[in-house]
C-alpha atoms as a PDB file:
ATOM      1  CA  MET A   1     -34.226  42.634 -60.552  1.00  0.00           C
ATOM      2  CA  GLU A   2     -30.352  43.360 -61.063  1.00  0.00           C
ATOM      3  CA  ILE A   3     -28.400  39.874 -60.142  1.00  0.00           C
ATOM      4  CA  PHE A   4     -25.204  41.820 -60.208  1.00  0.00           C
ATOM      5  CA  ARG A   5     -24.929  45.248 -58.370  1.00  0.00           C
ATOM      6  CA  TYR A   6     -22.021  47.601 -60.008  1.00  0.00           C
ATOM      7  CA  LYS A   7     -20.720  51.314 -59.055  1.00  0.00           C
ATOM      8  CA  SER A   8     -18.087  53.276 -59.855  1.00  0.00           C
ATOM      9  CA  ASP A   9     -14.622  53.804 -58.253  1.00  0.00           C
ATOM     10  CA  ALA A  10     -12.467  56.640 -58.003  1.00  0.00           C
ATOM     11  CA  TRP A  11     -10.943  56.467 -61.416  1.00  0.00           C
ATOM     12  CA  GLY A  12     -14.416  56.590 -62.939  1.00  0.00           C
ATOM     13  CA  GLN A  13     -14.132  52.458 -63.894  1.00  0.00           C
ATOM     14  CA  ARG A  14     -17.378  50.243 -63.319  1.00  0.00           C
ATOM     15  CA  VAL A  15     -16.195  47.922 -60.684  1.00  0.00           C
ATOM     16  CA  LEU A  16     -18.616  44.760 -59.425  1.00  0.00           C
ATOM     17  CA  GLU A  17     -20.254  45.730 -55.864  1.00  0.00           C
ATOM     18  CA  GLY A  18     -22.007  42.621 -55.285  1.00  0.00           C
ATOM     19  CA  VAL A  19     -24.805  40.521 -55.725  1.00  0.00           C
ATOM     20  CA  SER A  20     -28.516  40.127 -55.532  1.00  0.00           C
ATOM     21  CA  TRP A  21     -29.913  38.570 -52.684  1.00  0.00           C
ATOM     22  CA  ASP A  22     -33.285  38.311 -54.292  1.00  0.00           C
ATOM     23  CA  LEU A  23     -32.141  34.722 -55.669  1.00  0.00           C
ATOM     24  CA  LEU A  24     -30.488  33.470 -52.327  1.00  0.00           C
ATOM     25  CA  TRP A  25     -34.077  31.097 -51.699  1.00  0.00           C
ATOM     26  CA  PHE A  26     -34.398  29.994 -55.086  1.00  0.00           C
ATOM     27  CA  PHE A  27     -31.070  28.505 -54.993  1.00  0.00           C
ATOM     28  CA  VAL A  28     -31.612  26.905 -51.480  1.00  0.00           C
ATOM     29  CA  GLY A  29     -35.036  25.534 -52.602  1.00  0.00           C
ATOM     30  CA  ALA A  30     -32.830  24.205 -55.840  1.00  0.00           C
ATOM     31  CA  ALA A  31     -30.113  22.654 -53.340  1.00  0.00           C
ATOM     32  CA  LEU A  32     -32.632  20.898 -50.453  1.00  0.00           C
ATOM     33  CA  LEU A  33     -34.420  20.080 -54.203  1.00  0.00           C
ATOM     34  CA  PHE A  34     -31.721  18.209 -55.512  1.00  0.00           C
ATOM     35  CA  ILE A  35     -30.661  16.433 -52.180  1.00  0.00           C
ATOM     36  CA  VAL A  36     -34.290  14.978 -51.592  1.00  0.00           C
ATOM     37  CA  LEU A  37     -33.992  13.370 -55.277  1.00  0.00           C
ATOM     38  CA  HIS A  38     -30.583  11.923 -54.826  1.00  0.00           C
ATOM     39  CA  ALA A  39     -31.740  10.346 -51.452  1.00  0.00           C
ATOM     40  CA  ILE A  40     -34.527   9.132 -53.366  1.00  0.00           C
ATOM     41  CA  TYR A  41     -32.375   7.759 -56.150  1.00  0.00           C
ATOM     42  CA  LYS A  42     -30.253   6.056 -53.899  1.00  0.00           C
ATOM     43  CA  ARG A  43     -32.683   4.377 -51.603  1.00  0.00           C
ATOM     44  CA  ARG A  44     -33.905   2.987 -55.135  1.00  0.00           C
ATOM     45  CA  LEU A  45     -30.545   1.917 -56.335  1.00  0.00           C
ATOM     46  CA  LEU A  46     -29.929  -0.192 -52.762  1.00  0.00           C
ATOM     47  CA  LYS A  47     -33.106  -1.375 -52.788  1.00  0.00           C
ATOM     48  CA  GLY A  48     -33.047  -2.871 -56.379  1.00  0.00           C
ATOM     49  CA  SER A  49     -29.075  -4.109 -55.585  1.00  0.00           C
ATOM     50  CA  ALA A  50     -30.468  -6.046 -52.400  1.00  0.00           C
ATOM     51  CA  GLU A  51     -33.134  -7.640 -54.432  1.00  0.00           C
ATOM     52  CA  ASN A  52     -30.845  -8.938 -56.747  1.00  0.00           C
ATOM     53  CA  GLU A  53     -28.602 -10.930 -54.310  1.00  0.00           C
END
């Protein structure tokens, strides 16, 4: 699996054509996991501060 795709331009130089879409779902899952963990953390933090008052 190539992460970056390259090709040659008209002058023979190697240029970046784009990135692979294969890892898209990995980053979507990582972002969702971060959001869920952050929400759990904030809920516990707010619950703990309400008990201290």
